[in-house]
Amino acid sequence: MIENFALFYPTSHFFRFWQPLTHMFMHGGFFHVLINMYMLYMFGSVVENVIGTKKFLVFYFICGFGAAALHTGVEYMQLQSYMEGAALGNQMSLRQISLMKVTPTVGASGAIYGILIAYAMLFPQSRMTLLFPPITLSAKSMTLLFIGIELLTGLSGSGGNIAHFAHLGGALFGFLLIKYWRSRGTLFDKYRF
């Protein structure tokens, strides 16, 4: 399943053209899918009720594709750096190139971050409380905090095997799509895009 439906770098021999879609339905374990589906239920149901089911479906997939696009773009930049090192004979760069081409990306988290952004844009002053640590902030502040953490961990390379730039890609595309629909006056129109 991972080999066929997770997202691989486009020059990997594992890459298939359908993976930018199917990676959103693959997860790295029970807790990964549990957290994503909980977030989808908590925030997605509210956003869907506001913008309508058809528009929500379009929104979800655009955020998921945006997550894949930014993640792949960042991988491309990393690959260029590794190729420069490999050209100079750096063995670590060669290993990183090989590793990148066999590392799968899975999960709906990018689309979920888009939904979280949409929720924060629609209900910026609603209150959100983390379980740990138990702090309460506005949806806008909490979302900005999450985005900041994703950006810092993505740039620092910390945070384990998490595709931080996929999360940021979903958030970015979600932000842009909500702004676009608002500018056209079609955000709340359930039948026009």
N, C-alpha and C. Protein backbone atom coordinates (compact mmCIF):
# COMPACT_ATOMS: atom_id res chain seq x y z
N MET A 1 0.82 -1.19 0.00
CA MET A 1 0.00 0.00 0.00
C MET A 1 0.87 1.26 0.00
N ILE A 2 1.87 1.30 0.89
CA ILE A 2 2.74 2.48 0.96
C ILE A 2 3.45 2.68 -0.38
N GLU A 3 3.99 1.63 -0.93
CA GLU A 3 4.75 1.72 -2.17
C GLU A 3 3.90 2.28 -3.31
N ASN A 4 2.64 1.94 -3.35
CA ASN A 4 1.78 2.37 -4.45
C ASN A 4 1.03 3.67 -4.20
N PHE A 5 0.67 3.94 -2.94
CA PHE A 5 -0.25 5.04 -2.69
C PHE A 5 0.31 6.19 -1.86
N ALA A 6 1.44 6.02 -1.20
CA ALA A 6 2.10 7.14 -0.52
C ALA A 6 2.71 8.05 -1.58
N LEU A 7 3.07 9.25 -1.20
CA LEU A 7 3.68 10.20 -2.13
C LEU A 7 5.19 10.05 -2.08
N PHE A 8 5.78 9.81 -3.24
CA PHE A 8 7.24 9.75 -3.38
C PHE A 8 7.70 10.90 -4.27
N TYR A 9 8.97 11.22 -4.13
CA TYR A 9 9.55 12.28 -4.96
C TYR A 9 9.38 11.89 -6.43
N PRO A 10 9.06 12.86 -7.31
CA PRO A 10 8.73 12.53 -8.70
C PRO A 10 9.79 11.76 -9.49
N THR A 11 11.05 11.85 -9.13
CA THR A 11 12.07 11.09 -9.86
C THR A 11 12.36 9.74 -9.21
N SER A 12 11.65 9.41 -8.15
CA SER A 12 11.80 8.10 -7.51
C SER A 12 11.17 7.03 -8.39
N HIS A 13 11.75 5.84 -8.38
CA HIS A 13 11.13 4.76 -9.16
C HIS A 13 9.83 4.29 -8.52
N PHE A 14 9.52 4.74 -7.30
CA PHE A 14 8.25 4.42 -6.65
C PHE A 14 7.13 5.40 -7.02
N PHE A 15 7.48 6.54 -7.62
CA PHE A 15 6.47 7.56 -7.89
C PHE A 15 5.48 7.10 -8.94
N ARG A 16 4.18 7.40 -8.67
CA ARG A 16 3.10 7.16 -9.61
C ARG A 16 2.26 8.44 -9.68
N PHE A 17 1.68 8.72 -10.82
CA PHE A 17 0.98 9.99 -11.03
C PHE A 17 -0.21 10.19 -10.09
N TRP A 18 -0.76 9.15 -9.54
CA TRP A 18 -1.93 9.28 -8.66
C TRP A 18 -1.56 9.57 -7.20
N GLN A 19 -0.30 9.51 -6.85
CA GLN A 19 0.12 9.65 -5.47
C GLN A 19 -0.17 11.02 -4.84
N PRO A 20 -0.16 12.15 -5.59
CA PRO A 20 -0.55 13.41 -4.95
C PRO A 20 -1.99 13.37 -4.40
N LEU A 21 -2.82 12.49 -4.94
CA LEU A 21 -4.18 12.31 -4.42
C LEU A 21 -4.21 11.24 -3.32
N THR A 22 -3.65 10.10 -3.59
CA THR A 22 -3.80 8.96 -2.68
C THR A 22 -3.04 9.11 -1.38
N HIS A 23 -1.98 9.91 -1.36
CA HIS A 23 -1.22 10.06 -0.12
C HIS A 23 -2.08 10.62 1.00
N MET A 24 -3.15 11.36 0.64
CA MET A 24 -4.02 11.96 1.65
C MET A 24 -4.85 10.92 2.40
N PHE A 25 -4.94 9.72 1.84
CA PHE A 25 -5.75 8.67 2.46
C PHE A 25 -4.89 7.61 3.15
N MET A 26 -3.59 7.80 3.12
CA MET A 26 -2.66 6.90 3.79
C MET A 26 -2.19 7.57 5.08
N HIS A 27 -1.91 6.76 6.09
CA HIS A 27 -1.42 7.32 7.35
C HIS A 27 -0.34 6.43 7.93
N GLY A 28 0.44 7.03 8.82
CA GLY A 28 1.59 6.34 9.39
C GLY A 28 1.28 5.56 10.66
N GLY A 29 0.05 5.27 10.92
CA GLY A 29 -0.30 4.50 12.11
C GLY A 29 -1.63 4.96 12.68
N PHE A 30 -2.07 4.26 13.71
CA PHE A 30 -3.38 4.50 14.31
C PHE A 30 -3.51 5.93 14.85
N PHE A 31 -2.52 6.41 15.59
CA PHE A 31 -2.64 7.74 16.18
C PHE A 31 -2.59 8.84 15.14
N HIS A 32 -1.86 8.60 14.06
CA HIS A 32 -1.80 9.57 12.97
C HIS A 32 -3.19 9.76 12.37
N VAL A 33 -3.85 8.67 12.02
CA VAL A 33 -5.19 8.77 11.44
C VAL A 33 -6.20 9.26 12.48
N LEU A 34 -6.05 8.86 13.73
CA LEU A 34 -6.97 9.29 14.78
C LEU A 34 -6.93 10.80 14.97
N ILE A 35 -5.74 11.36 15.06
CA ILE A 35 -5.60 12.80 15.25
C ILE A 35 -6.15 13.56 14.04
N ASN A 36 -5.80 13.10 12.83
CA ASN A 36 -6.30 13.78 11.64
C ASN A 36 -7.82 13.72 11.54
N MET A 37 -8.39 12.58 11.82
CA MET A 37 -9.85 12.45 11.72
C MET A 37 -10.56 13.22 12.83
N TYR A 38 -9.96 13.31 14.00
CA TYR A 38 -10.52 14.12 15.08
C TYR A 38 -10.54 15.59 14.67
N MET A 39 -9.43 16.06 14.11
CA MET A 39 -9.34 17.46 13.66
C MET A 39 -10.33 17.72 12.51
N LEU A 40 -10.44 16.75 11.61
CA LEU A 40 -11.40 16.88 10.51
C LEU A 40 -12.82 17.01 11.05
N TYR A 41 -13.15 16.19 12.03
CA TYR A 41 -14.48 16.24 12.63
C TYR A 41 -14.70 17.57 13.37
N MET A 42 -13.75 17.95 14.19
CA MET A 42 -13.91 19.15 15.02
C MET A 42 -14.01 20.45 14.19
N PHE A 43 -13.12 20.62 13.26
CA PHE A 43 -13.07 21.87 12.51
C PHE A 43 -13.70 21.76 11.13
N GLY A 44 -13.53 20.61 10.51
CA GLY A 44 -14.08 20.42 9.16
C GLY A 44 -15.59 20.50 9.12
N SER A 45 -16.24 19.92 10.12
CA SER A 45 -17.71 19.95 10.12
C SER A 45 -18.23 21.38 10.23
N VAL A 46 -17.56 22.21 10.99
CA VAL A 46 -17.98 23.62 11.13
C VAL A 46 -17.75 24.37 9.82
N VAL A 47 -16.56 24.20 9.24
CA VAL A 47 -16.24 24.88 7.98
C VAL A 47 -17.20 24.41 6.89
N GLU A 48 -17.46 23.12 6.82
CA GLU A 48 -18.37 22.58 5.81
C GLU A 48 -19.77 23.18 5.96
N ASN A 49 -20.25 23.32 7.18
CA ASN A 49 -21.58 23.91 7.40
C ASN A 49 -21.65 25.35 6.92
N VAL A 50 -20.53 26.06 6.98
CA VAL A 50 -20.51 27.47 6.58
C VAL A 50 -20.40 27.62 5.06
N ILE A 51 -19.50 26.86 4.44
CA ILE A 51 -19.25 27.08 3.00
C ILE A 51 -20.00 26.09 2.11
N GLY A 52 -20.57 25.05 2.67
CA GLY A 52 -21.31 24.07 1.88
C GLY A 52 -20.46 22.85 1.56
N THR A 53 -21.12 21.73 1.34
CA THR A 53 -20.44 20.45 1.15
C THR A 53 -19.60 20.41 -0.12
N LYS A 54 -20.16 20.87 -1.24
CA LYS A 54 -19.41 20.81 -2.51
C LYS A 54 -18.15 21.68 -2.44
N LYS A 55 -18.31 22.89 -1.93
CA LYS A 55 -17.17 23.80 -1.84
C LYS A 55 -16.14 23.25 -0.84
N PHE A 56 -16.62 22.64 0.24
CA PHE A 56 -15.71 22.06 1.23
C PHE A 56 -14.88 20.95 0.61
N LEU A 57 -15.51 20.10 -0.20
CA LEU A 57 -14.78 19.01 -0.86
C LEU A 57 -13.68 19.56 -1.76
N VAL A 58 -14.02 20.58 -2.54
CA VAL A 58 -13.02 21.23 -3.39
C VAL A 58 -11.90 21.82 -2.53
N PHE A 59 -12.29 22.51 -1.47
CA PHE A 59 -11.32 23.13 -0.56
C PHE A 59 -10.37 22.08 0.01
N TYR A 60 -10.91 20.98 0.50
CA TYR A 60 -10.11 19.91 1.11
C TYR A 60 -9.05 19.40 0.14
N PHE A 61 -9.47 19.09 -1.08
CA PHE A 61 -8.53 18.53 -2.04
C PHE A 61 -7.51 19.55 -2.52
N ILE A 62 -7.91 20.80 -2.69
CA ILE A 62 -6.93 21.82 -3.08
C ILE A 62 -5.88 21.99 -1.99
N CYS A 63 -6.31 21.97 -0.73
CA CYS A 63 -5.34 22.06 0.38
C CYS A 63 -4.41 20.84 0.38
N GLY A 64 -4.96 19.67 0.14
CA GLY A 64 -4.13 18.45 0.10
C GLY A 64 -3.13 18.48 -1.05
N PHE A 65 -3.58 18.94 -2.22
CA PHE A 65 -2.66 19.06 -3.37
C PHE A 65 -1.62 20.16 -3.11
N GLY A 66 -2.05 21.24 -2.47
CA GLY A 66 -1.11 22.31 -2.11
C GLY A 66 -0.05 21.82 -1.14
N ALA A 67 -0.46 20.96 -0.20
CA ALA A 67 0.50 20.37 0.74
C ALA A 67 1.54 19.54 -0.01
N ALA A 68 1.07 18.73 -0.94
CA ALA A 68 1.99 17.90 -1.73
C ALA A 68 2.92 18.77 -2.57
N ALA A 69 2.39 19.86 -3.14
CA ALA A 69 3.19 20.73 -3.99
C ALA A 69 4.30 21.43 -3.21
N LEU A 70 3.96 22.02 -2.06
CA LEU A 70 5.00 22.71 -1.29
C LEU A 70 6.03 21.72 -0.75
N HIS A 71 5.56 20.58 -0.25
CA HIS A 71 6.47 19.56 0.25
C HIS A 71 7.45 19.11 -0.84
N THR A 72 6.92 18.86 -2.03
CA THR A 72 7.77 18.43 -3.15
C THR A 72 8.71 19.55 -3.58
N GLY A 73 8.24 20.78 -3.55
CA GLY A 73 9.10 21.92 -3.88
C GLY A 73 10.27 22.06 -2.92
N VAL A 74 10.00 21.88 -1.64
CA VAL A 74 11.08 21.94 -0.64
C VAL A 74 12.03 20.76 -0.84
N GLU A 75 11.50 19.60 -1.13
CA GLU A 75 12.36 18.45 -1.42
C GLU A 75 13.25 18.73 -2.63
N TYR A 76 12.70 19.39 -3.64
CA TYR A 76 13.48 19.74 -4.83
C TYR A 76 14.68 20.62 -4.45
N MET A 77 14.42 21.63 -3.60
CA MET A 77 15.51 22.52 -3.18
C MET A 77 16.55 21.75 -2.36
N GLN A 78 16.10 20.85 -1.50
CA GLN A 78 17.04 20.02 -0.74
C GLN A 78 17.85 19.13 -1.67
N LEU A 79 17.18 18.57 -2.65
CA LEU A 79 17.86 17.68 -3.60
C LEU A 79 18.93 18.43 -4.38
N GLN A 80 18.65 19.67 -4.76
CA GLN A 80 19.65 20.47 -5.47
C GLN A 80 20.90 20.68 -4.62
N SER A 81 20.68 20.93 -3.34
CA SER A 81 21.80 21.11 -2.43
C SER A 81 22.60 19.81 -2.29
N TYR A 82 21.89 18.70 -2.14
CA TYR A 82 22.58 17.41 -2.02
C TYR A 82 23.34 17.07 -3.30
N MET A 83 22.79 17.43 -4.44
CA MET A 83 23.47 17.13 -5.71
C MET A 83 24.76 17.91 -5.84
N GLU A 84 24.75 19.15 -5.34
CA GLU A 84 25.99 19.93 -5.35
C GLU A 84 27.05 19.25 -4.49
N GLY A 85 26.63 18.77 -3.32
CA GLY A 85 27.56 18.05 -2.45
C GLY A 85 28.03 16.75 -3.07
N ALA A 86 27.12 16.03 -3.73
CA ALA A 86 27.48 14.76 -4.37
C ALA A 86 28.47 15.00 -5.51
N ALA A 87 28.30 16.10 -6.22
CA ALA A 87 29.22 16.43 -7.32
C ALA A 87 30.64 16.66 -6.80
N LEU A 88 30.73 17.07 -5.52
CA LEU A 88 32.04 17.29 -4.90
C LEU A 88 32.56 16.02 -4.21
N GLY A 89 31.81 14.93 -4.35
CA GLY A 89 32.24 13.66 -3.77
C GLY A 89 31.80 13.43 -2.34
N ASN A 90 30.87 14.21 -1.84
CA ASN A 90 30.38 14.06 -0.48
C ASN A 90 29.48 12.83 -0.38
N GLN A 91 29.94 11.83 0.38
CA GLN A 91 29.19 10.57 0.51
C GLN A 91 27.88 10.75 1.27
N MET A 92 27.86 11.66 2.23
CA MET A 92 26.62 11.93 2.97
C MET A 92 25.55 12.48 2.05
N SER A 93 25.94 13.34 1.11
CA SER A 93 24.98 13.88 0.14
C SER A 93 24.41 12.78 -0.73
N LEU A 94 25.25 11.84 -1.16
CA LEU A 94 24.77 10.71 -1.96
C LEU A 94 23.76 9.87 -1.18
N ARG A 95 24.05 9.64 0.11
CA ARG A 95 23.11 8.87 0.94
C ARG A 95 21.79 9.63 1.10
N GLN A 96 21.86 10.94 1.26
CA GLN A 96 20.64 11.74 1.43
C GLN A 96 19.78 11.71 0.16
N ILE A 97 20.43 11.75 -1.01
CA ILE A 97 19.69 11.67 -2.27
C ILE A 97 18.97 10.33 -2.36
N SER A 98 19.68 9.26 -2.06
CA SER A 98 19.06 7.93 -2.11
C SER A 98 17.93 7.81 -1.11
N LEU A 99 18.12 8.33 0.08
CA LEU A 99 17.10 8.28 1.12
C LEU A 99 15.85 9.07 0.72
N MET A 100 16.06 10.25 0.16
CA MET A 100 14.93 11.09 -0.23
C MET A 100 14.05 10.38 -1.26
N LYS A 101 14.67 9.65 -2.16
CA LYS A 101 13.91 9.01 -3.24
C LYS A 101 13.14 7.77 -2.79
N VAL A 102 13.42 7.27 -1.60
CA VAL A 102 12.67 6.11 -1.11
C VAL A 102 11.82 6.43 0.13
N THR A 103 11.77 7.71 0.50
CA THR A 103 11.01 8.11 1.69
C THR A 103 9.59 8.51 1.28
N PRO A 104 8.58 7.80 1.82
CA PRO A 104 7.20 8.12 1.48
C PRO A 104 6.65 9.26 2.34
N THR A 105 5.67 9.96 1.80
CA THR A 105 4.93 10.97 2.54
C THR A 105 3.48 10.52 2.58
N VAL A 106 2.92 10.48 3.78
CA VAL A 106 1.54 10.02 3.93
C VAL A 106 0.77 10.96 4.86
N GLY A 107 -0.54 10.99 4.69
CA GLY A 107 -1.39 11.67 5.65
C GLY A 107 -2.23 12.79 5.07
N ALA A 108 -3.28 13.09 5.80
CA ALA A 108 -4.21 14.15 5.44
C ALA A 108 -3.86 15.45 6.16
N SER A 109 -2.75 15.49 6.86
CA SER A 109 -2.42 16.63 7.71
C SER A 109 -2.35 17.94 6.96
N GLY A 110 -1.85 17.94 5.73
CA GLY A 110 -1.79 19.17 4.95
C GLY A 110 -3.19 19.73 4.71
N ALA A 111 -4.11 18.88 4.30
CA ALA A 111 -5.49 19.31 4.10
C ALA A 111 -6.12 19.76 5.42
N ILE A 112 -5.78 19.07 6.50
CA ILE A 112 -6.31 19.42 7.82
C ILE A 112 -5.81 20.80 8.24
N TYR A 113 -4.56 21.11 7.96
CA TYR A 113 -4.04 22.45 8.27
C TYR A 113 -4.77 23.52 7.46
N GLY A 114 -5.14 23.20 6.23
CA GLY A 114 -5.95 24.12 5.45
C GLY A 114 -7.29 24.37 6.10
N ILE A 115 -7.90 23.31 6.62
CA ILE A 115 -9.19 23.44 7.31
C ILE A 115 -9.03 24.25 8.59
N LEU A 116 -7.94 24.04 9.30
CA LEU A 116 -7.68 24.80 10.52
C LEU A 116 -7.55 26.29 10.20
N ILE A 117 -6.86 26.62 9.12
CA ILE A 117 -6.73 28.01 8.69
C ILE A 117 -8.10 28.58 8.34
N ALA A 118 -8.90 27.80 7.61
CA ALA A 118 -10.24 28.27 7.24
C ALA A 118 -11.07 28.55 8.48
N TYR A 119 -11.01 27.66 9.47
CA TYR A 119 -11.75 27.86 10.71
C TYR A 119 -11.31 29.16 11.38
N ALA A 120 -10.00 29.36 11.46
CA ALA A 120 -9.47 30.57 12.11
C ALA A 120 -9.86 31.83 11.34
N MET A 121 -9.95 31.74 10.02
CA MET A 121 -10.35 32.91 9.24
C MET A 121 -11.84 33.19 9.36
N LEU A 122 -12.63 32.15 9.51
CA LEU A 122 -14.08 32.31 9.63
C LEU A 122 -14.51 32.68 11.04
N PHE A 123 -13.80 32.15 12.03
CA PHE A 123 -14.14 32.37 13.44
C PHE A 123 -12.90 32.76 14.24
N PRO A 124 -12.29 33.89 13.91
CA PRO A 124 -10.99 34.24 14.50
C PRO A 124 -11.01 34.40 16.02
N GLN A 125 -12.14 34.79 16.60
CA GLN A 125 -12.19 35.03 18.03
C GLN A 125 -12.72 33.86 18.84
N SER A 126 -13.09 32.76 18.18
CA SER A 126 -13.56 31.61 18.97
C SER A 126 -12.39 31.10 19.81
N ARG A 127 -12.70 30.56 20.97
CA ARG A 127 -11.68 30.15 21.92
C ARG A 127 -11.32 28.68 21.71
N MET A 128 -10.02 28.40 21.76
CA MET A 128 -9.50 27.03 21.62
C MET A 128 -8.58 26.75 22.81
N THR A 129 -8.69 25.55 23.36
CA THR A 129 -7.86 25.17 24.50
C THR A 129 -7.08 23.90 24.16
N LEU A 130 -5.79 23.97 24.35
CA LEU A 130 -4.95 22.78 24.19
C LEU A 130 -5.15 21.86 25.40
N LEU A 131 -4.98 20.57 25.18
CA LEU A 131 -5.03 19.64 26.31
C LEU A 131 -3.76 19.73 27.14
N PHE A 132 -2.62 19.82 26.43
CA PHE A 132 -1.35 19.93 27.13
C PHE A 132 -0.43 20.83 26.34
N PRO A 133 0.04 21.91 26.90
CA PRO A 133 -0.36 22.49 28.18
C PRO A 133 -1.75 23.11 28.04
N PRO A 134 -2.51 23.16 29.11
CA PRO A 134 -3.89 23.66 29.03
C PRO A 134 -3.95 25.19 28.94
N ILE A 135 -3.68 25.69 27.73
CA ILE A 135 -3.77 27.13 27.50
C ILE A 135 -4.91 27.40 26.53
N THR A 136 -5.57 28.52 26.72
CA THR A 136 -6.69 28.92 25.87
C THR A 136 -6.31 30.18 25.11
N LEU A 137 -6.50 30.14 23.79
CA LEU A 137 -6.22 31.28 22.93
C LEU A 137 -7.35 31.41 21.92
N SER A 138 -7.40 32.53 21.23
CA SER A 138 -8.35 32.67 20.12
C SER A 138 -7.93 31.73 19.00
N ALA A 139 -8.88 31.37 18.15
CA ALA A 139 -8.56 30.48 17.02
C ALA A 139 -7.47 31.09 16.14
N LYS A 140 -7.53 32.39 15.94
CA LYS A 140 -6.51 33.07 15.13
C LYS A 140 -5.13 32.93 15.78
N SER A 141 -5.04 33.20 17.08
CA SER A 141 -3.75 33.12 17.77
C SER A 141 -3.23 31.69 17.83
N MET A 142 -4.12 30.74 18.11
CA MET A 142 -3.70 29.33 18.20
C MET A 142 -3.19 28.85 16.84
N THR A 143 -3.88 29.22 15.79
CA THR A 143 -3.47 28.80 14.45
C THR A 143 -2.13 29.43 14.07
N LEU A 144 -1.96 30.70 14.39
CA LEU A 144 -0.67 31.35 14.12
C LEU A 144 0.45 30.68 14.91
N LEU A 145 0.16 30.26 16.14
CA LEU A 145 1.14 29.54 16.95
C LEU A 145 1.53 28.22 16.29
N PHE A 146 0.51 27.46 15.84
CA PHE A 146 0.79 26.19 15.16
C PHE A 146 1.61 26.39 13.88
N ILE A 147 1.26 27.42 13.11
CA ILE A 147 1.98 27.70 11.87
C ILE A 147 3.42 28.11 12.19
N GLY A 148 3.61 28.91 13.22
CA GLY A 148 4.96 29.30 13.63
C GLY A 148 5.80 28.11 14.04
N ILE A 149 5.20 27.22 14.80
CA ILE A 149 5.92 26.01 15.23
C ILE A 149 6.29 25.16 14.02
N GLU A 150 5.35 25.00 13.09
CA GLU A 150 5.64 24.21 11.88
C GLU A 150 6.78 24.84 11.08
N LEU A 151 6.76 26.16 10.95
CA LEU A 151 7.80 26.85 10.19
C LEU A 151 9.16 26.69 10.86
N LEU A 152 9.21 26.90 12.18
CA LEU A 152 10.48 26.77 12.90
C LEU A 152 11.02 25.34 12.85
N THR A 153 10.16 24.36 13.07
CA THR A 153 10.65 22.98 13.04
C THR A 153 11.01 22.55 11.62
N GLY A 154 10.28 23.07 10.64
CA GLY A 154 10.63 22.75 9.25
C GLY A 154 11.96 23.33 8.84
N LEU A 155 12.19 24.59 9.21
CA LEU A 155 13.45 25.24 8.85
C LEU A 155 14.64 24.67 9.62
N SER A 156 14.40 24.26 10.87
CA SER A 156 15.50 23.73 11.68
C SER A 156 15.79 22.27 11.38
N GLY A 157 14.84 21.60 10.71
CA GLY A 157 15.04 20.18 10.41
C GLY A 157 14.75 19.29 11.60
N SER A 158 14.18 19.84 12.66
CA SER A 158 13.85 19.02 13.82
C SER A 158 12.41 18.53 13.69
N GLY A 159 12.00 17.68 14.58
CA GLY A 159 10.63 17.21 14.56
C GLY A 159 10.46 15.85 13.93
N GLY A 160 11.54 15.11 13.75
CA GLY A 160 11.43 13.74 13.28
C GLY A 160 10.96 13.61 11.85
N ASN A 161 10.15 12.60 11.63
CA ASN A 161 9.69 12.27 10.28
C ASN A 161 8.36 12.95 9.94
N ILE A 162 8.24 14.20 10.29
CA ILE A 162 7.02 14.96 10.02
C ILE A 162 7.27 15.88 8.84
N ALA A 163 6.33 15.88 7.90
CA ALA A 163 6.45 16.72 6.70
C ALA A 163 5.92 18.12 7.02
N HIS A 164 6.73 18.91 7.72
CA HIS A 164 6.30 20.24 8.17
C HIS A 164 5.89 21.14 7.02
N PHE A 165 6.59 21.05 5.90
CA PHE A 165 6.25 21.92 4.78
C PHE A 165 4.99 21.45 4.06
N ALA A 166 4.60 20.21 4.21
CA ALA A 166 3.30 19.77 3.72
C ALA A 166 2.20 20.44 4.54
N HIS A 167 2.38 20.49 5.85
CA HIS A 167 1.42 21.18 6.71
C HIS A 167 1.32 22.65 6.30
N LEU A 168 2.46 23.27 6.11
CA LEU A 168 2.48 24.69 5.72
C LEU A 168 1.88 24.90 4.34
N GLY A 169 2.09 23.95 3.43
CA GLY A 169 1.50 24.05 2.09
C GLY A 169 -0.02 23.99 2.15
N GLY A 170 -0.56 23.08 2.94
CA GLY A 170 -2.00 23.00 3.10
C GLY A 170 -2.56 24.28 3.70
N ALA A 171 -1.87 24.81 4.70
CA ALA A 171 -2.30 26.05 5.34
C ALA A 171 -2.25 27.22 4.35
N LEU A 172 -1.18 27.30 3.58
CA LEU A 172 -1.03 28.38 2.61
C LEU A 172 -2.14 28.33 1.56
N PHE A 173 -2.37 27.15 1.00
CA PHE A 173 -3.40 27.04 -0.03
C PHE A 173 -4.79 27.27 0.56
N GLY A 174 -5.02 26.86 1.79
CA GLY A 174 -6.29 27.14 2.45
C GLY A 174 -6.50 28.62 2.64
N PHE A 175 -5.46 29.31 3.10
CA PHE A 175 -5.52 30.75 3.29
C PHE A 175 -5.82 31.46 1.97
N LEU A 176 -5.09 31.09 0.92
CA LEU A 176 -5.27 31.74 -0.38
C LEU A 176 -6.65 31.48 -0.96
N LEU A 177 -7.17 30.27 -0.79
CA LEU A 177 -8.48 29.94 -1.34
C LEU A 177 -9.59 30.68 -0.61
N ILE A 178 -9.51 30.77 0.71
CA ILE A 178 -10.52 31.53 1.46
C ILE A 178 -10.46 33.01 1.06
N LYS A 179 -9.24 33.56 0.95
CA LYS A 179 -9.09 34.96 0.51
C LYS A 179 -9.68 35.17 -0.89
N TYR A 180 -9.43 34.22 -1.78
CA TYR A 180 -9.94 34.32 -3.15
C TYR A 180 -11.46 34.30 -3.16
N TRP A 181 -12.06 33.36 -2.47
CA TRP A 181 -13.52 33.28 -2.42
C TRP A 181 -14.12 34.53 -1.78
N ARG A 182 -13.47 35.05 -0.75
CA ARG A 182 -13.97 36.27 -0.11
C ARG A 182 -13.89 37.45 -1.08
N SER A 183 -12.78 37.56 -1.82
CA SER A 183 -12.61 38.69 -2.74
C SER A 183 -13.64 38.67 -3.86
N ARG A 184 -14.09 37.47 -4.23
CA ARG A 184 -15.11 37.34 -5.28
C ARG A 184 -16.52 37.38 -4.72
N GLY A 185 -16.63 37.39 -3.40
CA GLY A 185 -17.95 37.40 -2.79
C GLY A 185 -18.67 36.08 -2.89
N THR A 186 -17.92 34.98 -3.06
CA THR A 186 -18.55 33.66 -3.23
C THR A 186 -18.25 32.71 -2.08
N LEU A 187 -17.67 33.19 -1.00
CA LEU A 187 -17.30 32.30 0.09
C LEU A 187 -18.51 31.58 0.66
N PHE A 188 -19.59 32.28 0.85
CA PHE A 188 -20.76 31.68 1.47
C PHE A 188 -21.79 31.19 0.47
N ASP A 189 -21.53 31.37 -0.81
CA ASP A 189 -22.43 30.89 -1.84
C ASP A 189 -22.11 29.42 -2.07
N LYS A 190 -23.02 28.56 -1.78
CA LYS A 190 -22.76 27.12 -1.82
C LYS A 190 -22.72 26.56 -3.24
N TYR A 191 -23.05 27.36 -4.24
CA TYR A 191 -23.18 26.82 -5.59
C TYR A 191 -22.20 27.39 -6.59
N ARG A 192 -21.51 28.47 -6.25
CA ARG A 192 -20.54 29.05 -7.16
C ARG A 192 -19.15 28.95 -6.57
N PHE A 193 -18.14 28.83 -7.43
CA PHE A 193 -16.76 28.77 -6.98
C PHE A 193 -16.06 30.06 -7.36
